[in-house]
Amino acid sequence: MPDVAYLVAGWLFLIGAYGIVVSRSVVNTVVCLSVAQSSTYVLLLAIGYRHGGTAPVFGDIPSNEHVVDPVVQALVFTDVVVSATVTAVLLALAIQARKRRGSLDPDHLSELSR
């Protein structure tokens, strides 16, 4: 199972990176960045996966029982929050760029540096 998860994580990252490279709109670039970031969720969960593992609730589990790593689950949750925040900020910047320049094409937005 983890081998497939590594392949899915790589595939998601490549699809997101390809979309970022060929995108002609800032909104599409933000969406493709979110897809590339979602590959980290799959990768972290694959790293923390343990075959036959149970939930990391230690009150009623014998000490020799295999459990899934709770640190990795916390990292994934943190990654989701950071990803949502980055997406919200980038979309807010895209809205402001559209209001001020009237376009979301990166070629037209290059004039912002002047």
PDB file of N, CA and C in Angstrom:
ATOM      1  N   MET A   1       0.806  -1.213   0.000  1.00  0.00           N
ATOM      2  CA  MET A   1       0.000   0.000   0.000  1.00  0.00           C
ATOM      3  C   MET A   1       0.846   1.273   0.000  1.00  0.00           C
ATOM      4  N   PRO A   2       1.881   1.397   0.838  1.00  0.00           N
ATOM      5  CA  PRO A   2       2.654   2.633   0.824  1.00  0.00           C
ATOM      6  C   PRO A   2       3.342   2.898  -0.505  1.00  0.00           C
ATOM      7  N   ASP A   3       3.723   1.834  -1.243  1.00  0.00           N
ATOM      8  CA  ASP A   3       4.364   2.064  -2.536  1.00  0.00           C
ATOM      9  C   ASP A   3       3.432   2.788  -3.491  1.00  0.00           C
ATOM     10  N   VAL A   4       2.172   2.425  -3.482  1.00  0.00           N
ATOM     11  CA  VAL A   4       1.193   3.100  -4.328  1.00  0.00           C
ATOM     12  C   VAL A   4       1.003   4.544  -3.870  1.00  0.00           C
ATOM     13  N   ALA A   5       1.030   4.764  -2.569  1.00  0.00           N
ATOM     14  CA  ALA A   5       0.863   6.123  -2.045  1.00  0.00           C
ATOM     15  C   ALA A   5       2.023   7.013  -2.474  1.00  0.00           C
ATOM     16  N   TYR A   6       3.234   6.473  -2.503  1.00  0.00           N
ATOM     17  CA  TYR A   6       4.375   7.259  -2.978  1.00  0.00           C
ATOM     18  C   TYR A   6       4.205   7.636  -4.449  1.00  0.00           C
ATOM     19  N   LEU A   7       3.702   6.703  -5.238  1.00  0.00           N
ATOM     20  CA  LEU A   7       3.457   6.992  -6.655  1.00  0.00           C
ATOM     21  C   LEU A   7       2.360   8.043  -6.824  1.00  0.00           C
ATOM     22  N   VAL A   8       1.310   7.948  -6.025  1.00  0.00           N
ATOM     23  CA  VAL A   8       0.228   8.935  -6.093  1.00  0.00           C
ATOM     24  C   VAL A   8       0.742  10.310  -5.680  1.00  0.00           C
ATOM     25  N   ALA A   9       1.565  10.367  -4.643  1.00  0.00           N
ATOM     26  CA  ALA A   9       2.128  11.647  -4.206  1.00  0.00           C
ATOM     27  C   ALA A   9       3.000  12.256  -5.304  1.00  0.00           C
ATOM     28  N   GLY A  10       3.825  11.443  -5.926  1.00  0.00           N
ATOM     29  CA  GLY A  10       4.654  11.941  -7.028  1.00  0.00           C
ATOM     30  C   GLY A  10       3.829  12.405  -8.209  1.00  0.00           C
ATOM     31  N   TRP A  11       2.792  11.625  -8.529  1.00  0.00           N
ATOM     32  CA  TRP A  11       1.917  11.994  -9.645  1.00  0.00           C
ATOM     33  C   TRP A  11       1.203  13.316  -9.370  1.00  0.00           C
ATOM     34  N   LEU A  12       0.671  13.482  -8.158  1.00  0.00           N
ATOM     35  CA  LEU A  12       0.002  14.737  -7.807  1.00  0.00           C
ATOM     36  C   LEU A  12       0.958  15.921  -7.894  1.00  0.00           C
ATOM     37  N   PHE A  13       2.184  15.729  -7.415  1.00  0.00           N
ATOM     38  CA  PHE A  13       3.153  16.813  -7.478  1.00  0.00           C
ATOM     39  C   PHE A  13       3.483  17.170  -8.923  1.00  0.00           C
ATOM     40  N   LEU A  14       3.691  16.157  -9.765  1.00  0.00           N
ATOM     41  CA  LEU A  14       4.022  16.431 -11.170  1.00  0.00           C
ATOM     42  C   LEU A  14       2.877  17.111 -11.903  1.00  0.00           C
ATOM     43  N   ILE A  15       1.647  16.682 -11.646  1.00  0.00           N
ATOM     44  CA  ILE A  15       0.487  17.326 -12.282  1.00  0.00           C
ATOM     45  C   ILE A  15       0.369  18.781 -11.830  1.00  0.00           C
ATOM     46  N   GLY A  16       0.554  19.026 -10.539  1.00  0.00           N
ATOM     47  CA  GLY A  16       0.492  20.391 -10.028  1.00  0.00           C
ATOM     48  C   GLY A  16       1.607  21.262 -10.578  1.00  0.00           C
ATOM     49  N   ALA A  17       2.820  20.728 -10.632  1.00  0.00           N
ATOM     50  CA  ALA A  17       3.951  21.490 -11.161  1.00  0.00           C
ATOM     51  C   ALA A  17       3.765  21.786 -12.645  1.00  0.00           C
ATOM     52  N   TYR A  18       3.280  20.800 -13.398  1.00  0.00           N
ATOM     53  CA  TYR A  18       3.017  21.031 -14.820  1.00  0.00           C
ATOM     54  C   TYR A  18       1.962  22.118 -15.007  1.00  0.00           C
ATOM     55  N   GLY A  19       0.909  22.069 -14.196  1.00  0.00           N
ATOM     56  CA  GLY A  19      -0.127  23.097 -14.283  1.00  0.00           C
ATOM     57  C   GLY A  19       0.400  24.479 -13.953  1.00  0.00           C
ATOM     58  N   ILE A  20       1.299  24.575 -12.990  1.00  0.00           N
ATOM     59  CA  ILE A  20       1.891  25.873 -12.645  1.00  0.00           C
ATOM     60  C   ILE A  20       2.703  26.413 -13.813  1.00  0.00           C
ATOM     61  N   VAL A  21       3.446  25.541 -14.478  1.00  0.00           N
ATOM     62  CA  VAL A  21       4.309  25.971 -15.581  1.00  0.00           C
ATOM     63  C   VAL A  21       3.494  26.443 -16.781  1.00  0.00           C
ATOM     64  N   VAL A  22       2.416  25.750 -17.127  1.00  0.00           N
ATOM     65  CA  VAL A  22       1.675  26.082 -18.348  1.00  0.00           C
ATOM     66  C   VAL A  22       0.478  27.001 -18.101  1.00  0.00           C
ATOM     67  N   SER A  23       0.226  27.379 -16.877  1.00  0.00           N
ATOM     68  CA  SER A  23      -0.954  28.176 -16.556  1.00  0.00           C
ATOM     69  C   SER A  23      -0.844  29.583 -17.132  1.00  0.00           C
ATOM     70  N   ARG A  24      -1.968  30.076 -17.630  1.00  0.00           N
ATOM     71  CA  ARG A  24      -2.019  31.432 -18.164  1.00  0.00           C
ATOM     72  C   ARG A  24      -2.941  32.313 -17.336  1.00  0.00           C
ATOM     73  N   SER A  25      -3.245  31.912 -16.136  1.00  0.00           N
ATOM     74  CA  SER A  25      -4.093  32.687 -15.240  1.00  0.00           C
ATOM     75  C   SER A  25      -3.581  32.505 -13.817  1.00  0.00           C
ATOM     76  N   VAL A  26      -3.641  33.575 -13.053  1.00  0.00           N
ATOM     77  CA  VAL A  26      -3.175  33.509 -11.673  1.00  0.00           C
ATOM     78  C   VAL A  26      -4.045  32.561 -10.853  1.00  0.00           C
ATOM     79  N   VAL A  27      -5.343  32.540 -11.100  1.00  0.00           N
ATOM     80  CA  VAL A  27      -6.238  31.644 -10.355  1.00  0.00           C
ATOM     81  C   VAL A  27      -5.901  30.185 -10.660  1.00  0.00           C
ATOM     82  N   ASN A  28      -5.643  29.864 -11.920  1.00  0.00           N
ATOM     83  CA  ASN A  28      -5.256  28.492 -12.267  1.00  0.00           C
ATOM     84  C   ASN A  28      -3.930  28.117 -11.615  1.00  0.00           C
ATOM     85  N   THR A  29      -3.015  29.070 -11.530  1.00  0.00           N
ATOM     86  CA  THR A  29      -1.742  28.820 -10.874  1.00  0.00           C
ATOM     87  C   THR A  29      -1.942  28.503  -9.395  1.00  0.00           C
ATOM     88  N   VAL A  30      -2.836  29.227  -8.730  1.00  0.00           N
ATOM     89  CA  VAL A  30      -3.113  28.981  -7.314  1.00  0.00           C
ATOM     90  C   VAL A  30      -3.739  27.599  -7.131  1.00  0.00           C
ATOM     91  N   VAL A  31      -4.645  27.214  -8.006  1.00  0.00           N
ATOM     92  CA  VAL A  31      -5.266  25.891  -7.910  1.00  0.00           C
ATOM     93  C   VAL A  31      -4.223  24.791  -8.141  1.00  0.00           C
ATOM     94  N   CYS A  32      -3.357  24.982  -9.109  1.00  0.00           N
ATOM     95  CA  CYS A  32      -2.313  23.987  -9.367  1.00  0.00           C
ATOM     96  C   CYS A  32      -1.324  23.914  -8.207  1.00  0.00           C
ATOM     97  N   LEU A  33      -1.056  25.028  -7.555  1.00  0.00           N
ATOM     98  CA  LEU A  33      -0.211  25.010  -6.366  1.00  0.00           C
ATOM     99  C   LEU A  33      -0.870  24.209  -5.252  1.00  0.00           C
ATOM    100  N   SER A  34      -2.178  24.335  -5.120  1.00  0.00           N
ATOM    101  CA  SER A  34      -2.906  23.551  -4.112  1.00  0.00           C
ATOM    102  C   SER A  34      -2.841  22.057  -4.418  1.00  0.00           C
ATOM    103  N   VAL A  35      -2.910  21.704  -5.690  1.00  0.00           N
ATOM    104  CA  VAL A  35      -2.793  20.295  -6.077  1.00  0.00           C
ATOM    105  C   VAL A  35      -1.393  19.779  -5.748  1.00  0.00           C
ATOM    106  N   ALA A  36      -0.374  20.585  -6.044  1.00  0.00           N
ATOM    107  CA  ALA A  36       0.995  20.170  -5.724  1.00  0.00           C
ATOM    108  C   ALA A  36       1.188  20.046  -4.214  1.00  0.00           C
ATOM    109  N   GLN A  37       0.575  20.941  -3.440  1.00  0.00           N
ATOM    110  CA  GLN A  37       0.682  20.854  -1.989  1.00  0.00           C
ATOM    111  C   GLN A  37      -0.049  19.634  -1.438  1.00  0.00           C
ATOM    112  N   SER A  38      -1.098  19.210  -2.108  1.00  0.00           N
ATOM    113  CA  SER A  38      -1.826  18.040  -1.614  1.00  0.00           C
ATOM    114  C   SER A  38      -0.988  16.771  -1.722  1.00  0.00           C
ATOM    115  N   SER A  39       0.018  16.796  -2.569  1.00  0.00           N
ATOM    116  CA  SER A  39       0.902  15.627  -2.642  1.00  0.00           C
ATOM    117  C   SER A  39       1.653  15.430  -1.328  1.00  0.00           C
ATOM    118  N   THR A  40       1.884  16.502  -0.593  1.00  0.00           N
ATOM    119  CA  THR A  40       2.580  16.354   0.690  1.00  0.00           C
ATOM    120  C   THR A  40       1.703  15.643   1.710  1.00  0.00           C
ATOM    121  N   TYR A  41       0.377  15.804   1.627  1.00  0.00           N
ATOM    122  CA  TYR A  41      -0.510  15.078   2.547  1.00  0.00           C
ATOM    123  C   TYR A  41      -0.362  13.577   2.328  1.00  0.00           C
ATOM    124  N   VAL A  42      -0.416  13.190   1.072  1.00  0.00           N
ATOM    125  CA  VAL A  42      -0.336  11.766   0.737  1.00  0.00           C
ATOM    126  C   VAL A  42       1.036  11.216   1.129  1.00  0.00           C
ATOM    127  N   LEU A  43       2.090  11.997   0.863  1.00  0.00           N
ATOM    128  CA  LEU A  43       3.433  11.550   1.201  1.00  0.00           C
ATOM    129  C   LEU A  43       3.607  11.379   2.706  1.00  0.00           C
ATOM    130  N   LEU A  44       3.151  12.351   3.485  1.00  0.00           N
ATOM    131  CA  LEU A  44       3.286  12.245   4.934  1.00  0.00           C
ATOM    132  C   LEU A  44       2.470  11.086   5.496  1.00  0.00           C
ATOM    133  N   LEU A  45       1.270  10.893   4.987  1.00  0.00           N
ATOM    134  CA  LEU A  45       0.459   9.771   5.464  1.00  0.00           C
ATOM    135  C   LEU A  45       1.073   8.432   5.079  1.00  0.00           C
ATOM    136  N   ALA A  46       1.712   8.364   3.911  1.00  0.00           N
ATOM    137  CA  ALA A  46       2.381   7.129   3.510  1.00  0.00           C
ATOM    138  C   ALA A  46       3.587   6.848   4.400  1.00  0.00           C
ATOM    139  N   ILE A  47       4.286   7.891   4.809  1.00  0.00           N
ATOM    140  CA  ILE A  47       5.436   7.711   5.690  1.00  0.00           C
ATOM    141  C   ILE A  47       4.974   7.204   7.059  1.00  0.00           C
ATOM    142  N   GLY A  48       3.872   7.732   7.567  1.00  0.00           N
ATOM    143  CA  GLY A  48       3.396   7.341   8.883  1.00  0.00           C
ATOM    144  C   GLY A  48       2.543   6.094   8.910  1.00  0.00           C
ATOM    145  N   TYR A  49       2.256   5.520   7.739  1.00  0.00           N
ATOM    146  CA  TYR A  49       1.415   4.325   7.674  1.00  0.00           C
ATOM    147  C   TYR A  49       2.148   3.121   8.235  1.00  0.00           C
ATOM    148  N   ARG A  50       1.434   2.313   8.974  1.00  0.00           N
ATOM    149  CA  ARG A  50       1.992   1.065   9.504  1.00  0.00           C
ATOM    150  C   ARG A  50       0.970  -0.035   9.249  1.00  0.00           C
ATOM    151  N   HIS A  51       1.370  -1.056   8.512  1.00  0.00           N
ATOM    152  CA  HIS A  51       0.466  -2.149   8.167  1.00  0.00           C
ATOM    153  C   HIS A  51      -0.059  -2.820   9.436  1.00  0.00           C
ATOM    154  N   GLY A  52      -1.369  -2.910   9.537  1.00  0.00           N
ATOM    155  CA  GLY A  52      -1.997  -3.520  10.700  1.00  0.00           C
ATOM    156  C   GLY A  52      -2.053  -2.607  11.911  1.00  0.00           C
ATOM    157  N   GLY A  53      -1.680  -1.339  11.714  1.00  0.00           N
ATOM    158  CA  GLY A  53      -1.681  -0.397  12.832  1.00  0.00           C
ATOM    159  C   GLY A  53      -3.081   0.073  13.174  1.00  0.00           C
ATOM    160  N   THR A  54      -3.260   0.460  14.423  1.00  0.00           N
ATOM    161  CA  THR A  54      -4.545   0.972  14.883  1.00  0.00           C
ATOM    162  C   THR A  54      -4.407   2.452  15.200  1.00  0.00           C
ATOM    163  N   ALA A  55      -5.500   3.054  15.573  1.00  0.00           N
ATOM    164  CA  ALA A  55      -5.491   4.471  15.927  1.00  0.00           C
ATOM    165  C   ALA A  55      -4.611   4.697  17.156  1.00  0.00           C
ATOM    166  N   PRO A  56      -3.932   5.839  17.216  1.00  0.00           N
ATOM    167  CA  PRO A  56      -3.005   6.077  18.325  1.00  0.00           C
ATOM    168  C   PRO A  56      -3.696   6.533  19.612  1.00  0.00           C
ATOM    169  N   VAL A  57      -4.681   5.773  20.062  1.00  0.00           N
ATOM    170  CA  VAL A  57      -5.337   6.026  21.338  1.00  0.00           C
ATOM    171  C   VAL A  57      -4.794   4.976  22.294  1.00  0.00           C
ATOM    172  N   PHE A  58      -4.015   5.408  23.262  1.00  0.00           N
ATOM    173  CA  PHE A  58      -3.225   4.463  24.046  1.00  0.00           C
ATOM    174  C   PHE A  58      -3.897   3.983  25.327  1.00  0.00           C
ATOM    175  N   GLY A  59      -5.124   4.386  25.605  1.00  0.00           N
ATOM    176  CA  GLY A  59      -5.768   3.996  26.849  1.00  0.00           C
ATOM    177  C   GLY A  59      -6.071   2.512  26.954  1.00  0.00           C
ATOM    178  N   ASP A  60      -6.475   1.887  25.869  1.00  0.00           N
ATOM    179  CA  ASP A  60      -6.898   0.489  25.948  1.00  0.00           C
ATOM    180  C   ASP A  60      -6.140  -0.434  24.998  1.00  0.00           C
ATOM    181  N   ILE A  61      -4.986   0.000  24.510  1.00  0.00           N
ATOM    182  CA  ILE A  61      -4.208  -0.801  23.570  1.00  0.00           C
ATOM    183  C   ILE A  61      -3.026  -1.420  24.316  1.00  0.00           C
ATOM    184  N   PRO A  62      -2.790  -2.705  24.122  1.00  0.00           N
ATOM    185  CA  PRO A  62      -1.617  -3.331  24.754  1.00  0.00           C
ATOM    186  C   PRO A  62      -0.321  -2.682  24.264  1.00  0.00           C
ATOM    187  N   SER A  63       0.723  -2.735  25.057  1.00  0.00           N
ATOM    188  CA  SER A  63       1.976  -2.047  24.728  1.00  0.00           C
ATOM    189  C   SER A  63       2.692  -2.649  23.524  1.00  0.00           C
ATOM    190  N   ASN A  64       2.403  -3.875  23.165  1.00  0.00           N
ATOM    191  CA  ASN A  64       3.070  -4.494  22.013  1.00  0.00           C
ATOM    192  C   ASN A  64       2.279  -4.324  20.712  1.00  0.00           C
ATOM    193  N   GLU A  65       1.200  -3.585  20.725  1.00  0.00           N
ATOM    194  CA  GLU A  65       0.343  -3.361  19.540  1.00  0.00           C
ATOM    195  C   GLU A  65       0.973  -2.296  18.641  1.00  0.00           C
ATOM    196  N   HIS A  66       0.893  -2.526  17.319  1.00  0.00           N
ATOM    197  CA  HIS A  66       1.384  -1.534  16.361  1.00  0.00           C
ATOM    198  C   HIS A  66       0.340  -0.428  16.200  1.00  0.00           C
ATOM    199  N   VAL A  67       0.797   0.814  16.272  1.00  0.00           N
ATOM    200  CA  VAL A  67      -0.100   1.951  16.076  1.00  0.00           C
ATOM    201  C   VAL A  67       0.471   2.848  14.980  1.00  0.00           C
ATOM    202  N   VAL A  68      -0.398   3.643  14.380  1.00  0.00           N
ATOM    203  CA  VAL A  68       0.007   4.613  13.380  1.00  0.00           C
ATOM    204  C   VAL A  68       0.653   5.788  14.104  1.00  0.00           C
ATOM    205  N   ASP A  69       1.669   6.384  13.492  1.00  0.00           N
ATOM    206  CA  ASP A  69       2.417   7.473  14.128  1.00  0.00           C
ATOM    207  C   ASP A  69       1.548   8.726  14.260  1.00  0.00           C
ATOM    208  N   PRO A  70       1.243   9.184  15.469  1.00  0.00           N
ATOM    209  CA  PRO A  70       0.392  10.362  15.640  1.00  0.00           C
ATOM    210  C   PRO A  70       1.086  11.667  15.264  1.00  0.00           C
ATOM    211  N   VAL A  71       2.415  11.690  15.283  1.00  0.00           N
ATOM    212  CA  VAL A  71       3.142  12.914  14.913  1.00  0.00           C
ATOM    213  C   VAL A  71       2.915  13.229  13.442  1.00  0.00           C
ATOM    214  N   VAL A  72       2.935  12.211  12.617  1.00  0.00           N
ATOM    215  CA  VAL A  72       2.717  12.417  11.184  1.00  0.00           C
ATOM    216  C   VAL A  72       1.298  12.921  10.930  1.00  0.00           C
ATOM    217  N   GLN A  73       0.335  12.403  11.672  1.00  0.00           N
ATOM    218  CA  GLN A  73      -1.041  12.879  11.517  1.00  0.00           C
ATOM    219  C   GLN A  73      -1.147  14.351  11.902  1.00  0.00           C
ATOM    220  N   ALA A  74      -0.449  14.762  12.945  1.00  0.00           N
ATOM    221  CA  ALA A  74      -0.448  16.171  13.342  1.00  0.00           C
ATOM    222  C   ALA A  74       0.225  17.039  12.279  1.00  0.00           C
ATOM    223  N   LEU A  75       1.282  16.526  11.664  1.00  0.00           N
ATOM    224  CA  LEU A  75       1.943  17.277  10.591  1.00  0.00           C
ATOM    225  C   LEU A  75       1.026  17.454   9.385  1.00  0.00           C
ATOM    226  N   VAL A  76       0.270  16.425   9.055  1.00  0.00           N
ATOM    227  CA  VAL A  76      -0.669  16.531   7.933  1.00  0.00           C
ATOM    228  C   VAL A  76      -1.735  17.567   8.241  1.00  0.00           C
ATOM    229  N   PHE A  77      -2.258  17.546   9.460  1.00  0.00           N
ATOM    230  CA  PHE A  77      -3.263  18.541   9.838  1.00  0.00           C
ATOM    231  C   PHE A  77      -2.684  19.952   9.758  1.00  0.00           C
ATOM    232  N   THR A  78      -1.464  20.134  10.214  1.00  0.00           N
ATOM    233  CA  THR A  78      -0.809  21.443  10.118  1.00  0.00           C
ATOM    234  C   THR A  78      -0.604  21.836   8.670  1.00  0.00           C
ATOM    235  N   ASP A  79      -0.238  20.884   7.831  1.00  0.00           N
ATOM    236  CA  ASP A  79      -0.044  21.150   6.406  1.00  0.00           C
ATOM    237  C   ASP A  79      -1.344  21.580   5.735  1.00  0.00           C
ATOM    238  N   VAL A  80      -2.449  20.981   6.125  1.00  0.00           N
ATOM    239  CA  VAL A  80      -3.750  21.358   5.567  1.00  0.00           C
ATOM    240  C   VAL A  80      -4.080  22.809   5.940  1.00  0.00           C
ATOM    241  N   VAL A  81      -3.834  23.173   7.192  1.00  0.00           N
ATOM    242  CA  VAL A  81      -4.124  24.542   7.638  1.00  0.00           C
ATOM    243  C   VAL A  81      -3.239  25.545   6.912  1.00  0.00           C
ATOM    244  N   VAL A  82      -1.958  25.248   6.778  1.00  0.00           N
ATOM    245  CA  VAL A  82      -1.049  26.150   6.074  1.00  0.00           C
ATOM    246  C   VAL A  82      -1.442  26.274   4.607  1.00  0.00           C
ATOM    247  N   SER A  83      -1.806  25.176   3.987  1.00  0.00           N
ATOM    248  CA  SER A  83      -2.217  25.199   2.586  1.00  0.00           C
ATOM    249  C   SER A  83      -3.463  26.050   2.382  1.00  0.00           C
ATOM    250  N   ALA A  84      -4.436  25.913   3.265  1.00  0.00           N
ATOM    251  CA  ALA A  84      -5.657  26.724   3.150  1.00  0.00           C
ATOM    252  C   ALA A  84      -5.344  28.202   3.331  1.00  0.00           C
ATOM    253  N   THR A  85      -4.447  28.520   4.243  1.00  0.00           N
ATOM    254  CA  THR A  85      -4.071  29.916   4.463  1.00  0.00           C
ATOM    255  C   THR A  85      -3.338  30.496   3.260  1.00  0.00           C
ATOM    256  N   VAL A  86      -2.401  29.749   2.716  1.00  0.00           N
ATOM    257  CA  VAL A  86      -1.660  30.216   1.543  1.00  0.00           C
ATOM    258  C   VAL A  86      -2.599  30.404   0.358  1.00  0.00           C
ATOM    259  N   THR A  87      -3.507  29.477   0.149  1.00  0.00           N
ATOM    260  CA  THR A  87      -4.469  29.599  -0.946  1.00  0.00           C
ATOM    261  C   THR A  87      -5.355  30.825  -0.775  1.00  0.00           C
ATOM    262  N   ALA A  88      -5.818  31.086   0.443  1.00  0.00           N
ATOM    263  CA  ALA A  88      -6.672  32.247   0.695  1.00  0.00           C
ATOM    264  C   ALA A  88      -5.916  33.550   0.437  1.00  0.00           C
ATOM    265  N   VAL A  89      -4.670  33.631   0.878  1.00  0.00           N
ATOM    266  CA  VAL A  89      -3.881  34.855   0.659  1.00  0.00           C
ATOM    267  C   VAL A  89      -3.601  35.056  -0.825  1.00  0.00           C
ATOM    268  N   LEU A  90      -3.243  34.004  -1.532  1.00  0.00           N
ATOM    269  CA  LEU A  90      -2.965  34.138  -2.961  1.00  0.00           C
ATOM    270  C   LEU A  90      -4.216  34.513  -3.756  1.00  0.00           C
ATOM    271  N   LEU A  91      -5.359  33.961  -3.380  1.00  0.00           N
ATOM    272  CA  LEU A  91      -6.594  34.341  -4.074  1.00  0.00           C
ATOM    273  C   LEU A  91      -6.991  35.772  -3.756  1.00  0.00           C
ATOM    274  N   ALA A  92      -6.732  36.241  -2.538  1.00  0.00           N
ATOM    275  CA  ALA A  92      -6.996  37.640  -2.204  1.00  0.00           C
ATOM    276  C   ALA A  92      -6.087  38.564  -3.017  1.00  0.00           C
ATOM    277  N   LEU A  93      -4.832  38.173  -3.203  1.00  0.00           N
ATOM    278  CA  LEU A  93      -3.937  38.965  -4.049  1.00  0.00           C
ATOM    279  C   LEU A  93      -4.389  38.956  -5.507  1.00  0.00           C
ATOM    280  N   ALA A  94      -4.914  37.825  -5.965  1.00  0.00           N
ATOM    281  CA  ALA A  94      -5.421  37.747  -7.337  1.00  0.00           C
ATOM    282  C   ALA A  94      -6.623  38.671  -7.518  1.00  0.00           C
ATOM    283  N   ILE A  95      -7.493  38.736  -6.519  1.00  0.00           N
ATOM    284  CA  ILE A  95      -8.647  39.638  -6.600  1.00  0.00           C
ATOM    285  C   ILE A  95      -8.184  41.084  -6.683  1.00  0.00           C
ATOM    286  N   GLN A  96      -7.197  41.452  -5.866  1.00  0.00           N
ATOM    287  CA  GLN A  96      -6.685  42.826  -5.899  1.00  0.00           C
ATOM    288  C   GLN A  96      -5.994  43.130  -7.226  1.00  0.00           C
ATOM    289  N   ALA A  97      -5.273  42.160  -7.783  1.00  0.00           N
ATOM    290  CA  ALA A  97      -4.626  42.369  -9.082  1.00  0.00           C
ATOM    291  C   ALA A  97      -5.671  42.550 -10.171  1.00  0.00           C
ATOM    292  N   ARG A  98      -6.757  41.802 -10.102  1.00  0.00           N
ATOM    293  CA  ARG A  98      -7.834  41.935 -11.091  1.00  0.00           C
ATOM    294  C   ARG A  98      -8.509  43.297 -10.987  1.00  0.00           C
ATOM    295  N   LYS A  99      -8.726  43.760  -9.745  1.00  0.00           N
ATOM    296  CA  LYS A  99      -9.354  45.071  -9.559  1.00  0.00           C
ATOM    297  C   LYS A  99      -8.473  46.198 -10.079  1.00  0.00           C
ATOM    298  N   ARG A 100      -7.168  46.097  -9.841  1.00  0.00           N
ATOM    299  CA  ARG A 100      -6.269  47.205 -10.189  1.00  0.00           C
ATOM    300  C   ARG A 100      -5.809  47.176 -11.635  1.00  0.00           C
ATOM    301  N   ARG A 101      -5.593  46.000 -12.197  1.00  0.00           N
ATOM    302  CA  ARG A 101      -5.067  45.878 -13.554  1.00  0.00           C
ATOM    303  C   ARG A 101      -6.085  45.372 -14.561  1.00  0.00           C
ATOM    304  N   GLY A 102      -7.178  44.796 -14.105  1.00  0.00           N
ATOM    305  CA  GLY A 102      -8.218  44.325 -15.019  1.00  0.00           C
ATOM    306  C   GLY A 102      -7.899  43.009 -15.705  1.00  0.00           C
ATOM    307  N   SER A 103      -6.866  42.311 -15.272  1.00  0.00           N
ATOM    308  CA  SER A 103      -6.492  41.050 -15.901  1.00  0.00           C
ATOM    309  C   SER A 103      -5.810  40.151 -14.883  1.00  0.00           C
ATOM    310  N   LEU A 104      -5.902  38.861 -15.130  1.00  0.00           N
ATOM    311  CA  LEU A 104      -5.187  37.896 -14.312  1.00  0.00           C
ATOM    312  C   LEU A 104      -4.131  37.150 -15.128  1.00  0.00           C
ATOM    313  N   ASP A 105      -3.837  37.657 -16.327  1.00  0.00           N
ATOM    314  CA  ASP A 105      -2.789  37.076 -17.161  1.00  0.00           C
ATOM    315  C   ASP A 105      -1.430  37.515 -16.617  1.00  0.00           C
ATOM    316  N   PRO A 106      -0.537  36.584 -16.334  1.00  0.00           N
ATOM    317  CA  PRO A 106       0.766  36.964 -15.772  1.00  0.00           C
ATOM    318  C   PRO A 106       1.566  37.910 -16.653  1.00  0.00           C
ATOM    319  N   ASP A 107       1.369  37.864 -17.981  1.00  0.00           N
ATOM    320  CA  ASP A 107       2.092  38.779 -18.863  1.00  0.00           C
ATOM    321  C   ASP A 107       1.639  40.223 -18.658  1.00  0.00           C
ATOM    322  N   HIS A 108       0.371  40.425 -18.380  1.00  0.00           N
ATOM    323  CA  HIS A 108      -0.134  41.782 -18.135  1.00  0.00           C
ATOM    324  C   HIS A 108       0.202  42.267 -16.732  1.00  0.00           C
ATOM    325  N   LEU A 109       0.412  41.351 -15.818  1.00  0.00           N
ATOM    326  CA  LEU A 109       0.726  41.731 -14.436  1.00  0.00           C
ATOM    327  C   LEU A 109       2.205  42.034 -14.234  1.00  0.00           C
ATOM    328  N   SER A 110       3.025  41.828 -15.243  1.00  0.00           N
ATOM    329  CA  SER A 110       4.445  42.126 -15.095  1.00  0.00           C
ATOM    330  C   SER A 110       4.682  43.621 -14.957  1.00  0.00           C
ATOM    331  N   GLU A 111       3.699  44.429 -15.307  1.00  0.00           N
ATOM    332  CA  GLU A 111       3.848  45.882 -15.189  1.00  0.00           C
ATOM    333  C   GLU A 111       3.713  46.348 -13.732  1.00  0.00           C
ATOM    334  N   LEU A 112       3.395  45.466 -12.816  1.00  0.00           N
ATOM    335  CA  LEU A 112       3.233  45.852 -11.414  1.00  0.00           C
ATOM    336  C   LEU A 112       4.543  46.295 -10.798  1.00  0.00           C
ATOM    337  N   SER A 113       5.664  45.857 -11.347  1.00  0.00           N
ATOM    338  CA  SER A 113       6.947  46.210 -10.757  1.00  0.00           C
ATOM    339  C   SER A 113       7.351  47.654 -11.042  1.00  0.00           C
ATOM    340  N   ARG A 114       6.698  48.319 -11.958  1.00  0.00           N
ATOM    341  CA  ARG A 114       7.064  49.701 -12.306  1.00  0.00           C
ATOM    342  C   ARG A 114       6.460  50.697 -11.367  1.00  0.00           C
TER     343      ARG A 114
END
